Amino acid sequence: MTTHIGRNYARALFDLAAETPLPRDAALPIDAAAEDLRAARDALWSNREVRAFLSNRLISRVTKKNLVRSGFEGRVDGRLVTFLFLLLDRGRTELLGEISEEFDRLCRIAHGVRKVTVYSAFPLGGEEKTLVTRSLEKRLSARVELETEIRPSLIGGVVAVSEGQEIEFSIEGRLRDLEEHMESAGAGHTPAGNEGR
């Protein structure tokens, strides 16, 4: 889960990468930036010792920047190195994980892809996953990257969550929709053949 600050940093880096002019038929610059950012995340945030080193206030920023420079300068886009220096200057390197997560989300949206987690009472088979994926793609007007998790509390069907939006497919949800439809369609009407009963 990303914070407001993490989202802002990710958006700023994404917008910067998206502005890069490219030769024809080249990969999108945001894809290369996402790969570089994941490499930085793995080296500087996923490693507990390095993370502790970068968050240690007794160590100078110059020393920290030298570590980043030796690991990334010449290997990734120079703007990412500058971005990492900015995070160091502002004491925000602990946000690298969520910045990378949000950047990946922005890349998926740019490619017309939505990541969806589907919760079900029982494991879904291959055919069921295909049906759910097709239904979600139609509903979201996007290609869907499907992940599944077991949630025993569901009576039946599945519940899908994407970008904080819940899309319900469960039996409970279908029954509730049907009940609401019947109430709105039959409000104030007496069913035919029931008069006087």
N, C-alpha and C. Protein backbone atom coordinates (compact mmCIF):
# COMPACT_ATOMS: atom_id res chain seq x y z
N MET A 1 0.84 -1.18 0.00
CA MET A 1 0.00 0.00 0.00
C MET A 1 0.89 1.25 0.00
N THR A 2 0.56 2.19 -0.86
CA THR A 2 1.38 3.38 -1.00
C THR A 2 0.78 4.58 -0.28
N THR A 3 1.68 5.43 0.25
CA THR A 3 1.24 6.66 0.91
C THR A 3 1.09 7.76 -0.14
N HIS A 4 0.49 8.87 0.29
CA HIS A 4 0.33 10.02 -0.60
C HIS A 4 1.70 10.54 -1.07
N ILE A 5 2.67 10.58 -0.15
CA ILE A 5 4.01 11.06 -0.51
C ILE A 5 4.67 10.12 -1.51
N GLY A 6 4.55 8.81 -1.25
CA GLY A 6 5.12 7.83 -2.18
C GLY A 6 4.52 7.93 -3.57
N ARG A 7 3.21 8.13 -3.62
CA ARG A 7 2.54 8.28 -4.92
C ARG A 7 3.03 9.52 -5.66
N ASN A 8 3.24 10.60 -4.92
CA ASN A 8 3.71 11.84 -5.55
C ASN A 8 5.11 11.68 -6.14
N TYR A 9 6.00 11.03 -5.41
CA TYR A 9 7.35 10.79 -5.92
C TYR A 9 7.30 9.90 -7.17
N ALA A 10 6.48 8.85 -7.10
CA ALA A 10 6.37 7.92 -8.23
C ALA A 10 5.82 8.64 -9.46
N ARG A 11 4.80 9.47 -9.26
CA ARG A 11 4.20 10.21 -10.38
C ARG A 11 5.21 11.17 -11.00
N ALA A 12 6.01 11.84 -10.16
CA ALA A 12 7.01 12.78 -10.67
C ALA A 12 8.04 12.05 -11.53
N LEU A 13 8.51 10.90 -11.05
CA LEU A 13 9.49 10.12 -11.81
C LEU A 13 8.86 9.57 -13.09
N PHE A 14 7.61 9.12 -12.99
CA PHE A 14 6.91 8.58 -14.16
C PHE A 14 6.76 9.65 -15.24
N ASP A 15 6.31 10.84 -14.84
CA ASP A 15 6.13 11.93 -15.81
C ASP A 15 7.45 12.30 -16.47
N LEU A 16 8.53 12.28 -15.70
CA LEU A 16 9.85 12.59 -16.24
C LEU A 16 10.27 11.55 -17.26
N ALA A 17 10.06 10.27 -16.93
CA ALA A 17 10.43 9.19 -17.86
C ALA A 17 9.57 9.22 -19.11
N ALA A 18 8.29 9.53 -18.95
CA ALA A 18 7.36 9.53 -20.09
C ALA A 18 7.67 10.63 -21.10
N GLU A 19 8.37 11.68 -20.67
CA GLU A 19 8.70 12.79 -21.57
C GLU A 19 9.88 12.47 -22.49
N THR A 20 10.59 11.38 -22.23
CA THR A 20 11.79 11.06 -22.99
C THR A 20 11.46 10.75 -24.43
N PRO A 21 12.07 11.48 -25.40
CA PRO A 21 11.85 11.14 -26.81
C PRO A 21 12.55 9.84 -27.15
N LEU A 22 11.92 9.06 -28.04
CA LEU A 22 12.47 7.75 -28.36
C LEU A 22 12.59 7.55 -29.87
N PRO A 23 13.58 6.77 -30.30
CA PRO A 23 13.60 6.38 -31.71
C PRO A 23 12.42 5.46 -32.00
N ARG A 24 12.06 5.38 -33.25
CA ARG A 24 10.92 4.55 -33.65
C ARG A 24 11.16 3.08 -33.28
N ASP A 25 10.08 2.40 -32.87
CA ASP A 25 10.10 0.97 -32.52
C ASP A 25 10.90 0.66 -31.25
N ALA A 26 11.32 1.68 -30.51
CA ALA A 26 12.03 1.42 -29.25
C ALA A 26 11.02 1.13 -28.15
N ALA A 27 11.49 0.46 -27.09
CA ALA A 27 10.62 0.19 -25.95
C ALA A 27 10.25 1.50 -25.27
N LEU A 28 9.12 1.52 -24.60
CA LEU A 28 8.70 2.74 -23.90
C LEU A 28 9.71 3.08 -22.81
N PRO A 29 10.04 4.38 -22.65
CA PRO A 29 11.01 4.77 -21.62
C PRO A 29 10.53 4.44 -20.21
N ILE A 30 9.22 4.42 -20.01
CA ILE A 30 8.71 4.10 -18.67
C ILE A 30 9.04 2.66 -18.29
N ASP A 31 9.12 1.76 -19.29
CA ASP A 31 9.45 0.37 -18.99
C ASP A 31 10.90 0.24 -18.52
N ALA A 32 11.79 0.96 -19.20
CA ALA A 32 13.21 0.95 -18.81
C ALA A 32 13.37 1.59 -17.43
N ALA A 33 12.63 2.68 -17.18
CA ALA A 33 12.71 3.35 -15.88
C ALA A 33 12.20 2.44 -14.78
N ALA A 34 11.13 1.68 -15.07
CA ALA A 34 10.58 0.76 -14.07
C ALA A 34 11.60 -0.31 -13.71
N GLU A 35 12.31 -0.81 -14.72
CA GLU A 35 13.32 -1.85 -14.48
C GLU A 35 14.47 -1.29 -13.63
N ASP A 36 14.91 -0.07 -13.96
CA ASP A 36 15.98 0.57 -13.18
C ASP A 36 15.54 0.82 -11.75
N LEU A 37 14.29 1.25 -11.59
CA LEU A 37 13.77 1.54 -10.25
C LEU A 37 13.67 0.27 -9.42
N ARG A 38 13.26 -0.83 -10.05
CA ARG A 38 13.19 -2.11 -9.32
C ARG A 38 14.58 -2.55 -8.87
N ALA A 39 15.58 -2.32 -9.73
CA ALA A 39 16.96 -2.67 -9.37
C ALA A 39 17.42 -1.84 -8.16
N ALA A 40 17.07 -0.55 -8.17
CA ALA A 40 17.43 0.32 -7.03
C ALA A 40 16.71 -0.12 -5.77
N ARG A 41 15.44 -0.47 -5.91
CA ARG A 41 14.66 -0.94 -4.76
C ARG A 41 15.29 -2.19 -4.16
N ASP A 42 15.65 -3.15 -5.03
CA ASP A 42 16.21 -4.41 -4.55
C ASP A 42 17.55 -4.20 -3.85
N ALA A 43 18.34 -3.26 -4.38
CA ALA A 43 19.68 -3.04 -3.81
C ALA A 43 19.66 -2.17 -2.57
N LEU A 44 18.79 -1.17 -2.55
CA LEU A 44 18.84 -0.17 -1.49
C LEU A 44 17.74 -0.29 -0.44
N TRP A 45 16.64 -0.94 -0.79
CA TRP A 45 15.52 -1.02 0.15
C TRP A 45 15.27 -2.44 0.63
N SER A 46 15.34 -3.41 -0.27
CA SER A 46 15.06 -4.79 0.11
C SER A 46 16.15 -5.37 1.01
N ASN A 47 17.38 -4.86 0.88
CA ASN A 47 18.48 -5.32 1.71
C ASN A 47 18.45 -4.59 3.06
N ARG A 48 18.24 -5.32 4.12
CA ARG A 48 18.05 -4.71 5.44
C ARG A 48 19.27 -3.91 5.89
N GLU A 49 20.47 -4.44 5.65
CA GLU A 49 21.69 -3.76 6.09
C GLU A 49 21.89 -2.44 5.35
N VAL A 50 21.67 -2.47 4.05
CA VAL A 50 21.82 -1.24 3.26
C VAL A 50 20.76 -0.22 3.67
N ARG A 51 19.55 -0.71 3.91
CA ARG A 51 18.46 0.18 4.33
C ARG A 51 18.81 0.86 5.66
N ALA A 52 19.37 0.09 6.58
CA ALA A 52 19.77 0.65 7.87
C ALA A 52 20.89 1.67 7.69
N PHE A 53 21.82 1.38 6.79
CA PHE A 53 22.93 2.29 6.50
C PHE A 53 22.40 3.63 5.98
N LEU A 54 21.46 3.57 5.03
CA LEU A 54 20.94 4.79 4.41
C LEU A 54 20.07 5.60 5.36
N SER A 55 19.45 4.94 6.34
CA SER A 55 18.57 5.65 7.28
C SER A 55 19.32 6.13 8.53
N ASN A 56 20.59 5.76 8.63
CA ASN A 56 21.40 6.15 9.79
C ASN A 56 21.77 7.63 9.70
N ARG A 57 21.31 8.43 10.64
CA ARG A 57 21.54 9.88 10.60
C ARG A 57 22.98 10.25 10.95
N LEU A 58 23.73 9.32 11.51
CA LEU A 58 25.12 9.61 11.87
C LEU A 58 26.06 9.51 10.66
N ILE A 59 25.54 8.90 9.59
CA ILE A 59 26.34 8.76 8.37
C ILE A 59 26.02 9.93 7.44
N SER A 60 27.04 10.56 6.91
CA SER A 60 26.84 11.76 6.09
C SER A 60 26.15 11.42 4.77
N ARG A 61 25.45 12.41 4.23
CA ARG A 61 24.78 12.23 2.94
C ARG A 61 25.80 12.01 1.82
N VAL A 62 26.97 12.63 1.97
CA VAL A 62 28.02 12.45 0.96
C VAL A 62 28.42 10.98 0.88
N THR A 63 28.59 10.34 2.04
CA THR A 63 28.96 8.92 2.08
C THR A 63 27.86 8.06 1.48
N LYS A 64 26.62 8.39 1.80
CA LYS A 64 25.48 7.64 1.26
C LYS A 64 25.40 7.80 -0.25
N LYS A 65 25.61 9.02 -0.72
CA LYS A 65 25.54 9.27 -2.17
C LYS A 65 26.67 8.56 -2.90
N ASN A 66 27.83 8.46 -2.26
CA ASN A 66 28.94 7.73 -2.87
C ASN A 66 28.59 6.26 -3.05
N LEU A 67 27.85 5.70 -2.08
CA LEU A 67 27.40 4.31 -2.20
C LEU A 67 26.46 4.16 -3.39
N VAL A 68 25.50 5.07 -3.50
CA VAL A 68 24.54 5.03 -4.61
C VAL A 68 25.27 5.23 -5.93
N ARG A 69 26.18 6.19 -5.97
CA ARG A 69 26.92 6.50 -7.20
C ARG A 69 27.72 5.28 -7.67
N SER A 70 28.40 4.62 -6.73
CA SER A 70 29.23 3.47 -7.11
C SER A 70 28.40 2.29 -7.60
N GLY A 71 27.16 2.20 -7.10
CA GLY A 71 26.32 1.08 -7.49
C GLY A 71 25.51 1.31 -8.75
N PHE A 72 25.22 2.58 -9.07
CA PHE A 72 24.27 2.83 -10.16
C PHE A 72 24.75 3.75 -11.28
N GLU A 73 25.70 4.63 -10.99
CA GLU A 73 26.11 5.58 -12.02
C GLU A 73 26.70 4.86 -13.22
N GLY A 74 26.18 5.18 -14.41
CA GLY A 74 26.64 4.53 -15.64
C GLY A 74 25.90 3.24 -15.95
N ARG A 75 25.11 2.76 -14.99
CA ARG A 75 24.38 1.50 -15.20
C ARG A 75 22.88 1.75 -15.39
N VAL A 76 22.39 2.85 -14.88
CA VAL A 76 20.98 3.21 -15.03
C VAL A 76 20.91 4.64 -15.56
N ASP A 77 19.72 5.05 -15.97
CA ASP A 77 19.50 6.42 -16.43
C ASP A 77 19.98 7.40 -15.35
N GLY A 78 20.74 8.40 -15.79
CA GLY A 78 21.29 9.37 -14.85
C GLY A 78 20.22 10.09 -14.03
N ARG A 79 19.03 10.22 -14.61
CA ARG A 79 17.95 10.90 -13.88
C ARG A 79 17.50 10.09 -12.67
N LEU A 80 17.62 8.77 -12.75
CA LEU A 80 17.25 7.95 -11.59
C LEU A 80 18.27 8.15 -10.47
N VAL A 81 19.57 8.27 -10.83
CA VAL A 81 20.59 8.53 -9.81
C VAL A 81 20.29 9.87 -9.12
N THR A 82 19.93 10.88 -9.92
CA THR A 82 19.56 12.18 -9.35
C THR A 82 18.34 12.05 -8.45
N PHE A 83 17.38 11.24 -8.88
CA PHE A 83 16.17 10.99 -8.08
C PHE A 83 16.53 10.33 -6.75
N LEU A 84 17.45 9.36 -6.79
CA LEU A 84 17.87 8.68 -5.56
C LEU A 84 18.60 9.65 -4.63
N PHE A 85 19.39 10.56 -5.21
CA PHE A 85 20.05 11.58 -4.40
C PHE A 85 19.02 12.48 -3.71
N LEU A 86 17.96 12.80 -4.44
CA LEU A 86 16.89 13.63 -3.88
C LEU A 86 16.24 12.93 -2.68
N LEU A 87 15.98 11.63 -2.83
CA LEU A 87 15.40 10.87 -1.72
C LEU A 87 16.34 10.87 -0.51
N LEU A 88 17.65 10.76 -0.78
CA LEU A 88 18.63 10.79 0.30
C LEU A 88 18.63 12.15 1.00
N ASP A 89 18.62 13.21 0.21
CA ASP A 89 18.64 14.57 0.77
C ASP A 89 17.42 14.82 1.66
N ARG A 90 16.29 14.23 1.28
CA ARG A 90 15.05 14.47 2.02
C ARG A 90 14.75 13.38 3.04
N GLY A 91 15.66 12.43 3.17
CA GLY A 91 15.46 11.35 4.14
C GLY A 91 14.27 10.48 3.81
N ARG A 92 14.08 10.20 2.51
CA ARG A 92 12.91 9.44 2.07
C ARG A 92 13.26 8.10 1.42
N THR A 93 14.45 7.59 1.64
CA THR A 93 14.81 6.33 0.97
C THR A 93 13.94 5.17 1.43
N GLU A 94 13.32 5.30 2.62
CA GLU A 94 12.44 4.22 3.09
C GLU A 94 11.19 4.09 2.22
N LEU A 95 10.94 5.07 1.36
CA LEU A 95 9.78 5.03 0.48
C LEU A 95 10.05 4.29 -0.83
N LEU A 96 11.28 3.83 -1.04
CA LEU A 96 11.63 3.22 -2.34
C LEU A 96 10.72 2.06 -2.71
N GLY A 97 10.36 1.24 -1.74
CA GLY A 97 9.50 0.09 -2.03
C GLY A 97 8.15 0.52 -2.57
N GLU A 98 7.51 1.46 -1.90
CA GLU A 98 6.18 1.90 -2.35
C GLU A 98 6.25 2.76 -3.60
N ILE A 99 7.34 3.50 -3.78
CA ILE A 99 7.51 4.28 -5.01
C ILE A 99 7.59 3.33 -6.20
N SER A 100 8.36 2.26 -6.05
CA SER A 100 8.49 1.28 -7.12
C SER A 100 7.15 0.60 -7.41
N GLU A 101 6.41 0.27 -6.35
CA GLU A 101 5.10 -0.37 -6.51
C GLU A 101 4.13 0.54 -7.27
N GLU A 102 4.12 1.83 -6.88
CA GLU A 102 3.23 2.78 -7.55
C GLU A 102 3.66 3.04 -8.99
N PHE A 103 4.97 3.09 -9.22
CA PHE A 103 5.48 3.29 -10.58
C PHE A 103 5.04 2.14 -11.49
N ASP A 104 5.13 0.91 -10.97
CA ASP A 104 4.68 -0.26 -11.73
C ASP A 104 3.19 -0.16 -12.04
N ARG A 105 2.41 0.32 -11.08
CA ARG A 105 0.97 0.48 -11.30
C ARG A 105 0.70 1.49 -12.42
N LEU A 106 1.42 2.60 -12.41
CA LEU A 106 1.26 3.61 -13.45
C LEU A 106 1.65 3.06 -14.82
N CYS A 107 2.68 2.22 -14.86
CA CYS A 107 3.09 1.57 -16.12
C CYS A 107 2.00 0.65 -16.63
N ARG A 108 1.39 -0.13 -15.73
CA ARG A 108 0.33 -1.04 -16.16
C ARG A 108 -0.83 -0.25 -16.75
N ILE A 109 -1.22 0.84 -16.10
CA ILE A 109 -2.32 1.66 -16.60
C ILE A 109 -1.98 2.22 -17.97
N ALA A 110 -0.72 2.67 -18.14
CA ALA A 110 -0.30 3.22 -19.43
C ALA A 110 -0.37 2.17 -20.54
N HIS A 111 -0.21 0.91 -20.17
CA HIS A 111 -0.29 -0.19 -21.13
C HIS A 111 -1.70 -0.78 -21.22
N GLY A 112 -2.67 -0.19 -20.53
CA GLY A 112 -4.04 -0.70 -20.56
C GLY A 112 -4.21 -1.99 -19.79
N VAL A 113 -3.45 -2.15 -18.70
CA VAL A 113 -3.49 -3.38 -17.90
C VAL A 113 -3.91 -3.02 -16.48
N ARG A 114 -4.78 -3.85 -15.90
CA ARG A 114 -5.18 -3.69 -14.50
C ARG A 114 -4.78 -4.95 -13.73
N LYS A 115 -4.19 -4.76 -12.57
CA LYS A 115 -3.86 -5.88 -11.69
C LYS A 115 -5.06 -6.13 -10.78
N VAL A 116 -5.57 -7.35 -10.79
CA VAL A 116 -6.77 -7.67 -10.01
C VAL A 116 -6.48 -8.88 -9.12
N THR A 117 -6.82 -8.75 -7.85
CA THR A 117 -6.74 -9.88 -6.93
C THR A 117 -8.14 -10.44 -6.73
N VAL A 118 -8.29 -11.74 -6.97
CA VAL A 118 -9.58 -12.40 -6.84
C VAL A 118 -9.55 -13.30 -5.61
N TYR A 119 -10.52 -13.07 -4.73
CA TYR A 119 -10.66 -13.88 -3.51
C TYR A 119 -11.81 -14.86 -3.72
N SER A 120 -11.59 -16.12 -3.38
CA SER A 120 -12.63 -17.13 -3.55
C SER A 120 -12.63 -18.08 -2.36
N ALA A 121 -13.79 -18.73 -2.15
CA ALA A 121 -13.92 -19.67 -1.03
C ALA A 121 -13.08 -20.92 -1.26
N PHE A 122 -12.93 -21.30 -2.53
CA PHE A 122 -12.17 -22.49 -2.89
C PHE A 122 -11.21 -22.15 -4.02
N PRO A 123 -10.17 -22.94 -4.21
CA PRO A 123 -9.24 -22.68 -5.32
C PRO A 123 -9.98 -22.67 -6.66
N LEU A 124 -9.62 -21.72 -7.53
CA LEU A 124 -10.22 -21.66 -8.86
C LEU A 124 -9.41 -22.50 -9.83
N GLY A 125 -10.12 -23.27 -10.68
CA GLY A 125 -9.46 -24.05 -11.71
C GLY A 125 -9.08 -23.16 -12.88
N GLY A 126 -8.35 -23.71 -13.81
CA GLY A 126 -7.89 -22.95 -14.98
C GLY A 126 -9.03 -22.35 -15.78
N GLU A 127 -10.09 -23.14 -16.00
CA GLU A 127 -11.23 -22.66 -16.78
C GLU A 127 -11.96 -21.54 -16.05
N GLU A 128 -12.09 -21.69 -14.72
CA GLU A 128 -12.76 -20.66 -13.93
C GLU A 128 -11.96 -19.35 -13.95
N LYS A 129 -10.63 -19.46 -13.85
CA LYS A 129 -9.78 -18.28 -13.91
C LYS A 129 -9.95 -17.56 -15.25
N THR A 130 -10.03 -18.35 -16.32
CA THR A 130 -10.19 -17.77 -17.65
C THR A 130 -11.52 -17.02 -17.74
N LEU A 131 -12.59 -17.63 -17.23
CA LEU A 131 -13.91 -17.00 -17.28
C LEU A 131 -13.93 -15.71 -16.46
N VAL A 132 -13.35 -15.76 -15.26
CA VAL A 132 -13.31 -14.59 -14.40
C VAL A 132 -12.48 -13.48 -15.06
N THR A 133 -11.34 -13.85 -15.64
CA THR A 133 -10.47 -12.87 -16.31
C THR A 133 -11.21 -12.20 -17.46
N ARG A 134 -11.89 -12.98 -18.28
CA ARG A 134 -12.64 -12.41 -19.42
C ARG A 134 -13.73 -11.46 -18.94
N SER A 135 -14.43 -11.88 -17.89
CA SER A 135 -15.50 -11.05 -17.35
C SER A 135 -14.96 -9.72 -16.82
N LEU A 136 -13.83 -9.79 -16.11
CA LEU A 136 -13.21 -8.58 -15.57
C LEU A 136 -12.68 -7.68 -16.67
N GLU A 137 -12.08 -8.27 -17.68
CA GLU A 137 -11.56 -7.46 -18.79
C GLU A 137 -12.67 -6.71 -19.50
N LYS A 138 -13.81 -7.37 -19.64
CA LYS A 138 -14.96 -6.71 -20.27
C LYS A 138 -15.47 -5.59 -19.37
N ARG A 139 -15.52 -5.86 -18.08
CA ARG A 139 -16.05 -4.89 -17.14
C ARG A 139 -15.14 -3.68 -16.95
N LEU A 140 -13.81 -3.93 -16.97
CA LEU A 140 -12.84 -2.87 -16.71
C LEU A 140 -12.29 -2.23 -18.00
N SER A 141 -12.63 -2.82 -19.15
CA SER A 141 -12.11 -2.35 -20.44
C SER A 141 -10.59 -2.28 -20.41
N ALA A 142 -9.96 -3.34 -19.91
CA ALA A 142 -8.50 -3.39 -19.82
C ALA A 142 -8.06 -4.85 -19.77
N ARG A 143 -6.80 -5.08 -20.12
CA ARG A 143 -6.24 -6.41 -19.92
C ARG A 143 -6.03 -6.59 -18.41
N VAL A 144 -6.27 -7.81 -17.95
CA VAL A 144 -6.23 -8.07 -16.51
C VAL A 144 -5.08 -9.02 -16.17
N GLU A 145 -4.27 -8.62 -15.18
CA GLU A 145 -3.28 -9.51 -14.57
C GLU A 145 -3.94 -10.08 -13.31
N LEU A 146 -4.24 -11.36 -13.34
CA LEU A 146 -5.03 -11.97 -12.28
C LEU A 146 -4.17 -12.63 -11.21
N GLU A 147 -4.48 -12.33 -9.96
CA GLU A 147 -3.91 -13.04 -8.82
C GLU A 147 -5.07 -13.61 -8.02
N THR A 148 -4.87 -14.77 -7.41
CA THR A 148 -5.97 -15.39 -6.65
C THR A 148 -5.54 -15.67 -5.22
N GLU A 149 -6.51 -15.53 -4.32
CA GLU A 149 -6.30 -15.85 -2.90
C GLU A 149 -7.55 -16.54 -2.37
N ILE A 150 -7.35 -17.44 -1.41
CA ILE A 150 -8.47 -18.15 -0.78
C ILE A 150 -9.01 -17.32 0.38
N ARG A 151 -10.33 -17.14 0.40
CA ARG A 151 -11.01 -16.46 1.51
C ARG A 151 -12.19 -17.33 1.93
N PRO A 152 -11.99 -18.23 2.92
CA PRO A 152 -13.04 -19.20 3.31
C PRO A 152 -14.35 -18.55 3.74
N SER A 153 -14.35 -17.29 4.16
CA SER A 153 -15.57 -16.65 4.64
C SER A 153 -16.58 -16.40 3.51
N LEU A 154 -16.14 -16.46 2.25
CA LEU A 154 -17.08 -16.27 1.14
C LEU A 154 -17.97 -17.50 1.00
N ILE A 155 -19.27 -17.29 0.85
CA ILE A 155 -20.20 -18.42 0.70
C ILE A 155 -20.00 -19.08 -0.67
N GLY A 156 -19.86 -18.28 -1.68
CA GLY A 156 -19.67 -18.82 -3.03
C GLY A 156 -19.26 -17.73 -3.98
N GLY A 157 -18.81 -18.12 -5.15
CA GLY A 157 -18.37 -17.14 -6.14
C GLY A 157 -17.05 -16.53 -5.76
N VAL A 158 -16.78 -15.34 -6.28
CA VAL A 158 -15.51 -14.68 -6.03
C VAL A 158 -15.74 -13.19 -5.81
N VAL A 159 -14.77 -12.55 -5.16
CA VAL A 159 -14.75 -11.10 -5.01
C VAL A 159 -13.43 -10.62 -5.58
N ALA A 160 -13.49 -9.64 -6.47
CA ALA A 160 -12.29 -9.11 -7.11
C ALA A 160 -12.00 -7.71 -6.60
N VAL A 161 -10.71 -7.41 -6.39
CA VAL A 161 -10.29 -6.09 -5.92
C VAL A 161 -9.21 -5.56 -6.84
N SER A 162 -9.41 -4.34 -7.34
CA SER A 162 -8.43 -3.70 -8.22
C SER A 162 -8.35 -2.22 -7.91
N GLU A 163 -7.13 -1.73 -7.67
CA GLU A 163 -6.91 -0.30 -7.41
C GLU A 163 -7.83 0.20 -6.29
N GLY A 164 -8.05 -0.63 -5.28
CA GLY A 164 -8.91 -0.24 -4.17
C GLY A 164 -10.39 -0.37 -4.45
N GLN A 165 -10.74 -0.79 -5.67
CA GLN A 165 -12.14 -0.93 -6.06
C GLN A 165 -12.55 -2.40 -5.94
N GLU A 166 -13.64 -2.66 -5.20
CA GLU A 166 -14.11 -4.03 -5.06
C GLU A 166 -15.18 -4.33 -6.09
N ILE A 167 -15.01 -5.44 -6.80
CA ILE A 167 -15.95 -5.87 -7.82
C ILE A 167 -16.49 -7.22 -7.37
N GLU A 168 -17.74 -7.27 -6.96
CA GLU A 168 -18.26 -8.46 -6.32
C GLU A 168 -18.92 -9.41 -7.31
N PHE A 169 -18.54 -10.67 -7.20
CA PHE A 169 -19.13 -11.72 -8.04
C PHE A 169 -19.77 -12.80 -7.18
N SER A 170 -19.78 -12.59 -5.86
CA SER A 170 -20.23 -13.66 -4.97
C SER A 170 -21.73 -13.88 -5.07
N ILE A 171 -22.17 -15.03 -4.59
CA ILE A 171 -23.59 -15.36 -4.58
C ILE A 171 -24.36 -14.33 -3.78
N GLU A 172 -23.77 -13.91 -2.63
CA GLU A 172 -24.46 -12.90 -1.81
C GLU A 172 -24.72 -11.64 -2.62
N GLY A 173 -23.71 -11.23 -3.38
CA GLY A 173 -23.85 -10.01 -4.18
C GLY A 173 -24.91 -10.16 -5.25
N ARG A 174 -24.96 -11.31 -5.89
CA ARG A 174 -25.96 -11.55 -6.94
C ARG A 174 -27.37 -11.54 -6.35
N LEU A 175 -27.54 -12.17 -5.17
CA LEU A 175 -28.85 -12.19 -4.51
C LEU A 175 -29.29 -10.78 -4.11
N ARG A 176 -28.34 -9.99 -3.61
CA ARG A 176 -28.66 -8.63 -3.21
C ARG A 176 -29.07 -7.78 -4.42
N ASP A 177 -28.34 -7.94 -5.54
CA ASP A 177 -28.69 -7.20 -6.77
C ASP A 177 -30.09 -7.59 -7.25
N LEU A 178 -30.40 -8.90 -7.19
CA LEU A 178 -31.70 -9.38 -7.64
C LEU A 178 -32.81 -8.83 -6.76
N GLU A 179 -32.57 -8.83 -5.44
CA GLU A 179 -33.57 -8.33 -4.49
C GLU A 179 -33.84 -6.84 -4.74
N GLU A 180 -32.77 -6.07 -4.96
CA GLU A 180 -32.93 -4.63 -5.21
C GLU A 180 -33.69 -4.38 -6.51
N HIS A 181 -33.39 -5.20 -7.52
CA HIS A 181 -34.06 -5.06 -8.81
C HIS A 181 -35.55 -5.35 -8.67
N MET A 182 -35.89 -6.40 -7.92
CA MET A 182 -37.29 -6.78 -7.74
C MET A 182 -38.05 -5.71 -6.95
N GLU A 183 -37.36 -5.13 -5.95
CA GLU A 183 -38.00 -4.10 -5.15
C GLU A 183 -38.29 -2.85 -5.98
N SER A 184 -37.31 -2.46 -6.82
CA SER A 184 -37.51 -1.25 -7.63
C SER A 184 -38.52 -1.49 -8.74
N ALA A 185 -38.56 -2.70 -9.29
CA ALA A 185 -39.50 -3.00 -10.38
C ALA A 185 -40.92 -3.19 -9.86
N GLY A 186 -41.05 -3.71 -8.63
CA GLY A 186 -42.39 -4.02 -8.12
C GLY A 186 -42.92 -3.04 -7.12
N ALA A 187 -42.21 -1.94 -6.90
CA ALA A 187 -42.66 -0.97 -5.89
C ALA A 187 -44.02 -0.39 -6.25
N GLY A 188 -44.98 -0.53 -5.34
CA GLY A 188 -46.30 0.07 -5.53
C GLY A 188 -47.21 -0.73 -6.44
N HIS A 189 -46.78 -1.93 -6.87
CA HIS A 189 -47.60 -2.73 -7.76
C HIS A 189 -48.05 -3.99 -7.05
N THR A 190 -49.26 -4.40 -7.27
CA THR A 190 -49.74 -5.68 -6.74
C THR A 190 -49.66 -6.71 -7.83
N PRO A 191 -48.96 -7.83 -7.59
CA PRO A 191 -48.83 -8.84 -8.64
C PRO A 191 -50.17 -9.27 -9.18
N ALA A 192 -50.20 -9.49 -10.51
CA ALA A 192 -51.45 -9.93 -11.17
C ALA A 192 -51.92 -11.24 -10.58
N GLY A 193 -53.25 -11.33 -10.34
CA GLY A 193 -53.82 -12.59 -9.84
C GLY A 193 -53.83 -12.66 -8.33
N ASN A 194 -53.24 -11.61 -7.64
CA ASN A 194 -53.20 -11.66 -6.20
C ASN A 194 -54.22 -10.73 -5.55
N GLU A 195 -55.01 -10.00 -6.38
CA GLU A 195 -55.98 -9.08 -5.82
C GLU A 195 -56.99 -9.81 -4.95
N GLY A 196 -57.22 -9.24 -3.79
CA GLY A 196 -58.27 -9.76 -2.94
C GLY A 196 -57.86 -10.96 -2.14
N ARG A 197 -56.57 -11.41 -2.28
CA ARG A 197 -56.15 -12.58 -1.50
C ARG A 197 -55.67 -12.20 -0.13
